[in-house]
Amino acid sequence: MQDPKEIKNLEAFLGEAYTAWQAVELAEALLRKNGFVRLAEHEPWELERDGKYYVTRGGSALIAFTAGEGEGYKIVASHTDSPCFKLKENAALSDERCTRLNAEPYGGGLNYTFFDRPLKLAGRAVYEDGDKLVAKNFASDFHVVIPSLAIHMNREANEKFAPNPQTELPLLGLGKQDFNKLLNDPVSADIFAVCAEKPFSCGAENELLCSPRIDNLTSVYASLSAILSPSSGKCVLACLDSEEIGSRTRQGAGSGFLASVLKRISRALGKTEEEHERELCTSLLLSMDNAHATHPNHPEKHDPTNRTELGGGVVIKGHAGGAYTTDAVTSALVKKIFDRAGVKRQSFYNRSDMRSGSTLGAISLGQVSVPSVDIGIAQLAMHSAVETIAKSDYLEAVRALQSFFASKIQITEESVTVE
């Protein structure tokens, strides 16, 4: 199954959403183009039934929703950040020869994969505008690079190499560079060195997509595409920041952002607090973050009976220790929704002797206690500068979310019904 336009749109998003701030900026533009109205957290909300709205927090997290009829919320949560390197204050390390940038790892990246690649400086900067401080998104029109040490000076590089994040730094240029001038003299800034390679197709039939930030901007863009399609009831997409560093920020899954938005939707639609709590019990959250595909060169690293494959369809993730929120009821529910829509699906479990990763689903439940299931797209090279998915799996994910938003779901303690 191919959809060249959908893949082309995804590639454009991956190629331009350098950081969470650019991802939200692009998402806002797409939502506005399709009739969504911007709300502000610090202003009163007046919602129209069947209206379409969105709200941002900190410029790096966004929640969009449709205010349709019906009980409960259908929520898809993903994250806008990806592993890279964050520049420190006073970042320029200069001498007569060159200027490097003092940076530290952001998230648990495969750091060696960022060496010898074009990196762009991007994020947001805060500027003075009279008596105001104004935050603006920033992306450099030049590249930097982290150069490798030649094999002649590091003979063990192919046997063992553990990059030291304090010494292996991005090279800004020759001689002493005035870094603040390059940023147009901000008061302060959140600037990252991110992979600037453009997405590219791979495989004999161009069936694979390789790109920076596949984890987790493919989930973000799939949920955006889905909420623009015909839907039923109250559909919510939550694109949250800071997952790669534990979600412990005011715009992350551990904050009250999603809980606050849901409560304000209920209040603006005339619901009482009691009715809001009842609606949460009949809601469903899809925590959408990517999953590990079985690596063709290292199949021994994967579970023996749950082989998650590229091209195998949407992944439903499970874990006995609660790293993923899926249980038998929520798993059965999404399987029924996907099967009715003809969506391919597969299951993911880690090897029992390997530590599981985690995602924003379990953290979100600490703020919004609703039935939940973890899903995602299978990928190779997770947290590398460039990652790989099957294009067909992304298209299956879009169809899966479209079918979710279009379904009518009734959840009680006794049973679950899908129409």
Protein backbone atom coordinates (compact mmCIF):
# COMPACT_ATOMS: atom_id res chain seq x y z
CA MET A 1 0.00 0.00 0.00
CA GLN A 2 1.50 3.31 -1.07
CA ASP A 3 0.31 6.89 -0.67
CA PRO A 4 3.01 9.13 -2.17
CA LYS A 5 1.34 12.36 -1.03
CA GLU A 6 1.05 11.25 2.62
CA ILE A 7 4.67 10.06 2.66
CA LYS A 8 5.84 13.26 0.99
CA ASN A 9 4.04 15.33 3.63
CA LEU A 10 5.60 13.23 6.39
CA GLU A 11 9.07 13.71 4.89
CA ALA A 12 8.59 17.48 4.78
CA PHE A 13 7.55 17.48 8.44
CA LEU A 14 10.48 15.31 9.54
CA GLY A 15 12.90 17.43 7.56
CA GLU A 16 11.76 20.76 9.05
CA ALA A 17 10.71 19.89 12.62
CA TYR A 18 14.24 20.15 14.00
CA THR A 19 13.12 20.50 17.63
CA ALA A 20 9.87 20.34 19.59
CA TRP A 21 9.35 24.06 18.94
CA GLN A 22 9.50 23.68 15.16
CA ALA A 23 7.28 20.57 15.38
CA VAL A 24 4.58 22.51 17.21
CA GLU A 25 4.92 25.50 14.88
CA LEU A 26 4.36 23.26 11.85
CA ALA A 27 1.48 21.44 13.57
CA GLU A 28 -0.20 24.76 14.36
CA ALA A 29 -0.01 25.85 10.73
CA LEU A 30 -1.57 22.58 9.55
CA LEU A 31 -4.38 22.76 12.12
CA ARG A 32 -5.20 26.40 11.32
CA LYS A 33 -5.27 25.58 7.62
CA ASN A 34 -7.90 22.95 8.38
CA GLY A 35 -10.18 25.14 10.47
CA PHE A 36 -8.90 24.60 14.01
CA VAL A 37 -9.19 27.65 16.26
CA ARG A 38 -6.38 28.59 18.63
CA LEU A 39 -7.14 28.90 22.33
CA ALA A 40 -4.88 30.34 25.04
CA GLU A 41 -4.48 28.85 28.51
CA HIS A 42 -4.60 32.28 30.17
CA GLU A 43 -7.88 33.29 28.50
CA PRO A 44 -11.50 32.13 29.00
CA TRP A 45 -12.71 29.33 26.72
CA GLU A 46 -16.01 29.44 24.87
CA LEU A 47 -16.49 26.30 22.80
CA GLU A 48 -19.08 25.50 20.18
CA ARG A 49 -20.42 21.99 19.86
CA ASP A 50 -18.61 20.25 16.96
CA GLY A 51 -15.96 22.98 17.00
CA LYS A 52 -12.26 22.27 16.38
CA TYR A 53 -9.64 23.82 18.66
CA TYR A 54 -6.04 23.64 19.82
CA VAL A 55 -3.89 25.07 22.61
CA THR A 56 -0.11 25.17 23.11
CA ARG A 57 2.11 25.29 26.17
CA GLY A 58 5.65 26.62 26.17
CA GLY A 59 5.72 26.53 22.37
CA SER A 60 6.83 22.88 22.43
CA ALA A 61 3.62 21.02 23.38
CA LEU A 62 0.22 21.11 21.73
CA ILE A 63 -3.21 19.63 22.39
CA ALA A 64 -5.88 19.70 19.67
CA PHE A 65 -9.45 18.46 19.97
CA THR A 66 -12.85 18.21 18.35
CA ALA A 67 -15.84 19.01 20.55
CA GLY A 68 -18.26 16.42 19.18
CA GLU A 69 -21.26 14.70 20.76
CA GLY A 70 -20.89 11.55 22.84
CA GLU A 71 -19.54 10.39 26.16
CA GLY A 72 -15.83 10.04 26.83
CA TYR A 73 -12.66 11.21 25.13
CA LYS A 74 -10.63 9.42 22.46
CA ILE A 75 -7.06 10.53 23.08
CA VAL A 76 -3.84 9.93 21.15
CA ALA A 77 -0.68 11.00 22.99
CA SER A 78 2.77 11.26 21.40
CA HIS A 79 5.91 13.31 22.03
CA THR A 80 7.57 16.12 20.12
CA ASP A 81 11.19 15.79 21.31
CA SER A 82 14.02 13.53 20.12
CA PRO A 83 17.57 12.78 21.34
CA CYS A 84 20.20 15.33 20.31
CA PHE A 85 22.60 17.74 22.06
CA LYS A 86 21.64 20.85 23.99
CA LEU A 87 23.95 23.85 24.11
CA LYS A 88 24.83 25.30 27.50
CA GLU A 89 24.84 28.99 28.40
CA ASN A 90 28.08 30.67 27.23
CA ALA A 91 28.41 27.87 24.70
CA ALA A 92 31.37 29.16 22.66
CA LEU A 93 34.70 27.50 23.45
CA SER A 94 37.15 29.57 21.40
CA ASP A 95 40.86 29.81 20.80
CA GLU A 96 42.92 31.17 17.89
CA ARG A 97 42.35 28.00 15.88
CA CYS A 98 38.61 27.35 16.10
CA THR A 99 35.39 27.65 18.07
CA ARG A 100 33.57 24.64 19.50
CA LEU A 101 30.20 24.56 21.22
CA ASN A 102 29.83 23.40 24.81
CA ALA A 103 26.91 20.96 24.71
CA GLU A 104 25.45 18.09 26.70
CA PRO A 105 23.38 15.10 25.56
CA TYR A 106 19.62 15.57 25.50
CA GLY A 107 17.96 12.17 25.98
CA GLY A 108 19.53 8.76 25.56
CA GLY A 109 20.84 9.00 22.03
CA LEU A 110 23.23 6.76 20.09
CA ASN A 111 25.77 9.53 20.36
CA TYR A 112 28.37 8.11 17.96
CA THR A 113 25.83 8.25 15.10
CA PHE A 114 25.85 12.07 15.24
CA PHE A 115 29.56 12.23 14.35
CA ASP A 116 30.57 13.50 10.88
CA ARG A 117 27.00 14.39 9.92
CA PRO A 118 25.59 17.83 9.14
CA LEU A 119 24.08 19.25 12.31
CA LYS A 120 21.83 22.29 12.51
CA LEU A 121 21.44 24.59 15.51
CA ALA A 122 17.75 24.98 16.31
CA GLY A 123 15.31 25.66 19.13
CA ARG A 124 14.03 28.93 20.54
CA ALA A 125 15.61 32.17 21.69
CA VAL A 126 14.24 34.94 23.92
CA TYR A 127 14.69 38.55 22.78
CA GLU A 128 13.96 41.97 24.24
CA ASP A 129 11.16 43.87 22.51
CA GLY A 130 10.82 47.11 24.41
CA ASP A 131 9.53 46.19 27.86
CA LYS A 132 8.62 42.69 26.70
CA LEU A 133 10.56 39.45 26.46
CA VAL A 134 9.51 37.54 23.34
CA ALA A 135 10.39 33.91 22.50
CA LYS A 136 11.03 33.15 18.84
CA ASN A 137 11.90 29.91 17.10
CA PHE A 138 15.40 29.71 15.72
CA ALA A 139 17.09 27.52 13.11
CA SER A 140 20.55 28.26 11.77
CA ASP A 141 21.19 28.71 8.06
CA PHE A 142 24.54 26.93 8.48
CA HIS A 143 25.72 23.53 9.69
CA VAL A 144 28.10 22.40 12.40
CA VAL A 145 29.81 19.03 12.75
CA ILE A 146 31.21 16.74 15.45
CA PRO A 147 34.41 15.44 13.79
CA SER A 148 35.65 11.93 14.53
CA LEU A 149 39.21 11.28 15.64
CA ALA A 150 41.04 9.50 12.82
CA ILE A 151 41.50 5.74 13.12
CA HIS A 152 45.29 6.31 13.10
CA MET A 153 44.97 8.08 16.47
CA ASN A 154 42.26 5.83 17.90
CA ARG A 155 43.21 2.31 16.88
CA GLU A 156 40.54 0.71 19.08
CA ALA A 157 37.66 2.72 17.63
CA ASN A 158 36.24 -0.29 15.75
CA GLU A 159 36.50 -2.50 18.83
CA LYS A 160 35.28 -0.08 21.48
CA PHE A 161 34.35 3.57 21.43
CA ALA A 162 32.53 5.45 24.17
CA PRO A 163 32.23 9.13 23.17
CA ASN A 164 32.98 11.57 25.99
CA PRO A 165 30.20 14.18 25.78
CA GLN A 166 32.36 16.90 27.36
CA THR A 167 35.22 16.59 24.88
CA GLU A 168 33.55 15.44 21.65
CA LEU A 169 31.87 18.73 20.81
CA PRO A 170 30.36 20.38 17.71
CA LEU A 171 32.78 22.47 15.65
CA LEU A 172 31.27 25.89 14.92
CA GLY A 173 34.04 27.22 12.69
CA LEU A 174 37.60 28.49 12.37
CA GLY A 175 38.99 31.18 14.64
CA LYS A 176 37.03 32.96 17.35
CA GLN A 177 33.32 33.12 16.57
CA ASP A 178 30.82 35.45 18.27
CA PHE A 179 28.11 32.89 18.91
CA ASN A 180 25.58 35.34 20.36
CA LYS A 181 25.78 37.43 17.18
CA LEU A 182 24.90 34.34 15.18
CA LEU A 183 21.76 34.03 17.33
CA ASN A 184 20.99 37.77 16.93
CA ASP A 185 21.89 38.56 20.56
CA PRO A 186 19.17 36.84 22.59
CA VAL A 187 18.73 37.34 26.33
CA SER A 188 18.62 33.56 26.72
CA ALA A 189 18.00 30.53 24.52
CA ASP A 190 17.19 26.82 24.35
CA ILE A 191 19.36 25.76 21.40
CA PHE A 192 20.10 22.21 20.28
CA ALA A 193 22.49 20.63 17.80
CA VAL A 194 20.27 18.30 15.75
CA CYS A 195 20.80 16.08 12.74
CA ALA A 196 20.20 18.09 9.56
CA GLU A 197 20.12 15.20 7.08
CA LYS A 198 17.06 15.14 4.87
CA PRO A 199 14.72 12.12 4.87
CA PHE A 200 15.49 9.63 2.13
CA SER A 201 13.98 6.46 0.71
CA CYS A 202 15.80 3.16 0.94
CA GLY A 203 15.33 -0.41 -0.31
CA ALA A 204 15.13 -1.96 -3.78
CA GLU A 205 11.54 -0.73 -4.11
CA ASN A 206 11.96 2.45 -2.03
CA GLU A 207 9.80 0.78 0.60
CA LEU A 208 11.80 2.10 3.57
CA LEU A 209 12.06 5.63 4.93
CA CYS A 210 15.20 6.81 6.73
CA SER A 211 15.22 10.11 8.59
CA PRO A 212 16.16 11.97 11.74
CA ARG A 213 13.48 12.17 14.44
CA ILE A 214 11.36 9.25 13.25
CA ASP A 215 11.01 8.59 16.99
CA ASN A 216 8.57 10.13 17.65
CA LEU A 217 7.54 12.66 15.00
CA THR A 218 6.02 9.91 12.87
CA SER A 219 3.49 9.42 15.67
CA VAL A 220 2.92 13.17 15.95
CA TYR A 221 2.26 13.56 12.24
CA ALA A 222 0.11 10.42 12.01
CA SER A 223 -2.12 11.77 14.78
CA LEU A 224 -2.33 15.15 13.06
CA SER A 225 -3.35 13.50 9.80
CA ALA A 226 -5.95 11.40 11.59
CA ILE A 227 -7.67 14.24 13.45
CA LEU A 228 -8.13 16.08 10.15
CA SER A 229 -10.22 13.15 8.90
CA PRO A 230 -13.94 12.61 9.66
CA SER A 231 -14.35 11.71 13.33
CA SER A 232 -16.97 10.96 15.96
CA GLY A 233 -17.33 12.43 19.45
CA LYS A 234 -14.60 14.21 21.38
CA CYS A 235 -11.24 13.41 19.77
CA VAL A 236 -8.01 14.66 21.33
CA LEU A 237 -4.40 14.61 20.19
CA ALA A 238 -1.78 15.46 22.79
CA CYS A 239 1.68 16.22 21.39
CA LEU A 240 3.76 16.56 24.56
CA ASP A 241 7.37 17.55 25.12
CA SER A 242 10.23 16.17 27.25
CA GLU A 243 9.56 12.42 26.95
CA GLU A 244 13.20 11.72 26.18
CA ILE A 245 14.22 13.23 29.54
CA GLY A 246 11.45 11.75 31.69
CA SER A 247 8.47 14.05 30.93
CA ARG A 248 9.17 16.07 34.09
CA THR A 249 8.46 19.54 32.71
CA ARG A 250 5.36 21.76 32.63
CA GLN A 251 4.84 20.77 29.00
CA GLY A 252 5.53 17.06 29.49
CA ALA A 253 3.27 14.09 30.18
CA GLY A 254 4.04 14.36 33.90
CA SER A 255 2.50 17.84 34.05
CA GLY A 256 -1.17 18.74 34.42
CA PHE A 257 -1.45 20.01 30.83
CA LEU A 258 -3.66 17.23 29.45
CA ALA A 259 -5.73 16.97 32.65
CA SER A 260 -6.32 20.73 32.63
CA VAL A 261 -7.37 20.81 28.98
CA LEU A 262 -9.84 17.92 29.39
CA LYS A 263 -11.36 19.55 32.46
CA ARG A 264 -11.74 22.87 30.66
CA ILE A 265 -13.37 21.19 27.66
CA SER A 266 -15.95 19.58 29.94
CA ARG A 267 -16.62 22.82 31.77
CA ALA A 268 -16.98 24.83 28.52
CA LEU A 269 -19.43 22.23 27.18
CA GLY A 270 -21.60 22.56 30.28
CA LYS A 271 -20.51 19.42 32.13
CA THR A 272 -20.39 19.26 35.90
CA GLU A 273 -17.31 17.98 37.75
CA GLU A 274 -19.19 14.74 38.46
CA GLU A 275 -20.03 14.33 34.77
CA HIS A 276 -16.41 15.03 33.82
CA GLU A 277 -15.13 12.29 36.14
CA ARG A 278 -17.66 9.86 34.71
CA GLU A 279 -16.53 10.72 31.18
CA LEU A 280 -12.91 9.96 32.04
CA CYS A 281 -13.98 6.44 33.05
CA THR A 282 -15.42 5.90 29.57
CA SER A 283 -12.44 7.41 27.72
CA LEU A 284 -9.52 5.66 26.00
CA LEU A 285 -5.92 6.84 25.62
CA LEU A 286 -3.63 5.54 22.89
CA SER A 287 -0.07 6.21 24.02
CA MET A 288 1.72 6.28 20.67
CA ASP A 289 5.49 5.92 20.62
CA ASN A 290 7.61 3.82 18.32
CA ALA A 291 8.63 0.22 18.94
CA HIS A 292 11.72 -1.83 18.13
CA ALA A 293 11.49 -3.85 14.93
CA THR A 294 13.34 -7.18 14.94
CA HIS A 295 16.83 -6.27 13.78
CA PRO A 296 17.84 -8.47 10.82
CA ASN A 297 21.46 -8.53 11.97
CA HIS A 298 20.62 -9.20 15.63
CA PRO A 299 17.45 -11.34 15.88
CA GLU A 300 18.76 -12.83 19.13
CA LYS A 301 18.02 -9.51 20.87
CA HIS A 302 14.27 -9.93 20.46
CA ASP A 303 11.44 -11.93 22.01
CA PRO A 304 11.18 -15.45 20.55
CA THR A 305 7.39 -15.49 20.00
CA ASN A 306 6.62 -11.81 19.33
CA ARG A 307 8.71 -10.87 16.31
CA THR A 308 7.86 -7.27 15.51
CA GLU A 309 8.77 -6.75 11.85
CA LEU A 310 9.15 -3.83 9.48
CA GLY A 311 6.06 -3.97 7.26
CA GLY A 312 4.10 -5.94 9.85
CA GLY A 313 1.65 -3.18 10.70
CA VAL A 314 0.82 -1.19 13.82
CA VAL A 315 2.49 -2.46 17.00
CA ILE A 316 0.58 -3.10 20.23
CA LYS A 317 3.08 -3.06 23.10
CA GLY A 318 2.91 -5.02 26.33
CA HIS A 319 5.04 -5.29 29.47
CA ALA A 320 4.48 -7.13 32.75
CA GLY A 321 6.20 -4.40 34.75
CA GLY A 322 3.93 -1.61 33.57
CA ALA A 323 6.39 0.17 31.27
CA TYR A 324 3.51 0.05 28.80
CA THR A 325 -0.10 0.63 29.81
CA THR A 326 -1.73 -2.10 27.73
CA ASP A 327 -3.95 -4.65 29.46
CA ALA A 328 -6.16 -7.43 28.08
CA VAL A 329 -9.26 -5.24 27.80
CA THR A 330 -7.62 -2.27 26.10
CA SER A 331 -5.61 -4.58 23.83
CA ALA A 332 -8.76 -6.42 22.77
CA LEU A 333 -10.52 -3.11 22.17
CA VAL A 334 -7.92 -1.66 19.79
CA LYS A 335 -7.54 -5.02 18.04
CA LYS A 336 -11.27 -4.95 17.31
CA ILE A 337 -11.10 -1.37 16.04
CA PHE A 338 -8.10 -2.10 13.84
CA ASP A 339 -9.47 -5.40 12.52
CA ARG A 340 -12.76 -3.79 11.51
CA ALA A 341 -10.81 -1.22 9.50
CA GLY A 342 -8.54 -3.87 7.96
CA VAL A 343 -5.45 -2.43 9.67
CA LYS A 344 -2.47 -4.77 9.97
CA ARG A 345 -1.25 -5.21 13.54
CA GLN A 346 1.43 -7.04 15.51
CA SER A 347 2.58 -7.41 19.12
CA PHE A 348 5.76 -6.27 20.84
CA TYR A 349 7.36 -7.57 24.04
CA ASN A 350 10.95 -7.22 25.14
CA ARG A 351 13.08 -10.26 25.84
CA SER A 352 12.40 -11.16 29.45
CA ASP A 353 16.10 -10.80 30.34
CA MET A 354 16.41 -7.27 28.91
CA ARG A 355 15.33 -4.00 30.51
CA SER A 356 12.36 -2.36 28.86
CA GLY A 357 12.27 1.19 27.64
CA SER A 358 9.39 3.39 28.72
CA THR A 359 7.22 6.08 27.20
CA LEU A 360 4.73 8.78 28.09
CA GLY A 361 1.67 6.57 28.56
CA ALA A 362 2.33 5.37 32.11
CA ILE A 363 3.42 8.87 33.13
CA SER A 364 0.24 10.39 31.66
CA LEU A 365 -1.90 8.03 33.72
CA GLY A 366 -0.55 9.66 36.86
CA GLN A 367 -2.34 12.83 35.75
CA VAL A 368 -5.32 11.50 33.76
CA SER A 369 -6.50 8.09 34.93
CA VAL A 370 -8.21 6.57 31.89
CA PRO A 371 -8.10 3.14 30.19
CA SER A 372 -4.97 3.10 28.05
CA VAL A 373 -3.00 1.08 25.53
CA ASP A 374 0.50 1.58 24.08
CA ILE A 375 0.90 1.37 20.32
CA GLY A 376 3.53 2.50 17.81
CA ILE A 377 5.35 2.04 14.53
CA ALA A 378 8.13 -0.55 14.26
CA GLN A 379 11.54 0.94 13.56
CA LEU A 380 15.24 0.18 13.40
CA ALA A 381 18.07 2.24 14.94
CA MET A 382 15.95 3.90 17.62
CA HIS A 383 17.66 7.03 19.02
CA SER A 384 20.17 7.11 16.18
CA ALA A 385 20.77 10.34 14.28
CA VAL A 386 18.96 8.63 11.38
CA GLU A 387 16.31 5.96 11.97
CA THR A 388 14.40 3.57 9.67
CA ILE A 389 10.75 2.54 9.22
CA ALA A 390 8.68 0.84 6.53
CA LYS A 391 6.52 3.37 4.71
CA SER A 392 3.62 0.93 4.77
CA ASP A 393 3.68 0.83 8.58
CA TYR A 394 3.31 4.60 8.79
CA LEU A 395 0.31 4.47 6.44
CA GLU A 396 -1.21 1.67 8.53
CA ALA A 397 -0.75 3.85 11.62
CA VAL A 398 -2.64 6.74 9.99
CA ARG A 399 -5.49 4.39 9.06
CA ALA A 400 -5.48 2.94 12.59
CA LEU A 401 -5.86 6.37 14.18
CA GLN A 402 -8.51 7.41 11.67
CA SER A 403 -10.51 4.30 12.57
CA PHE A 404 -10.04 5.05 16.28
CA PHE A 405 -11.28 8.63 15.97
CA ALA A 406 -14.23 7.50 13.81
CA SER A 407 -15.36 4.77 16.25
CA LYS A 408 -18.04 5.07 18.90
CA ILE A 409 -16.75 3.42 22.08
CA GLN A 410 -18.63 2.61 25.27
CA ILE A 411 -16.56 1.44 28.24
CA THR A 412 -17.92 0.20 31.55
CA GLU A 413 -16.56 -2.08 34.25
CA GLU A 414 -18.68 -4.91 32.82
CA SER A 415 -18.09 -4.61 29.09
CA VAL A 416 -16.74 -2.63 26.16
CA THR A 417 -18.75 -1.86 23.02
CA VAL A 418 -17.41 -0.57 19.68
CA GLU A 419 -19.65 0.80 16.92
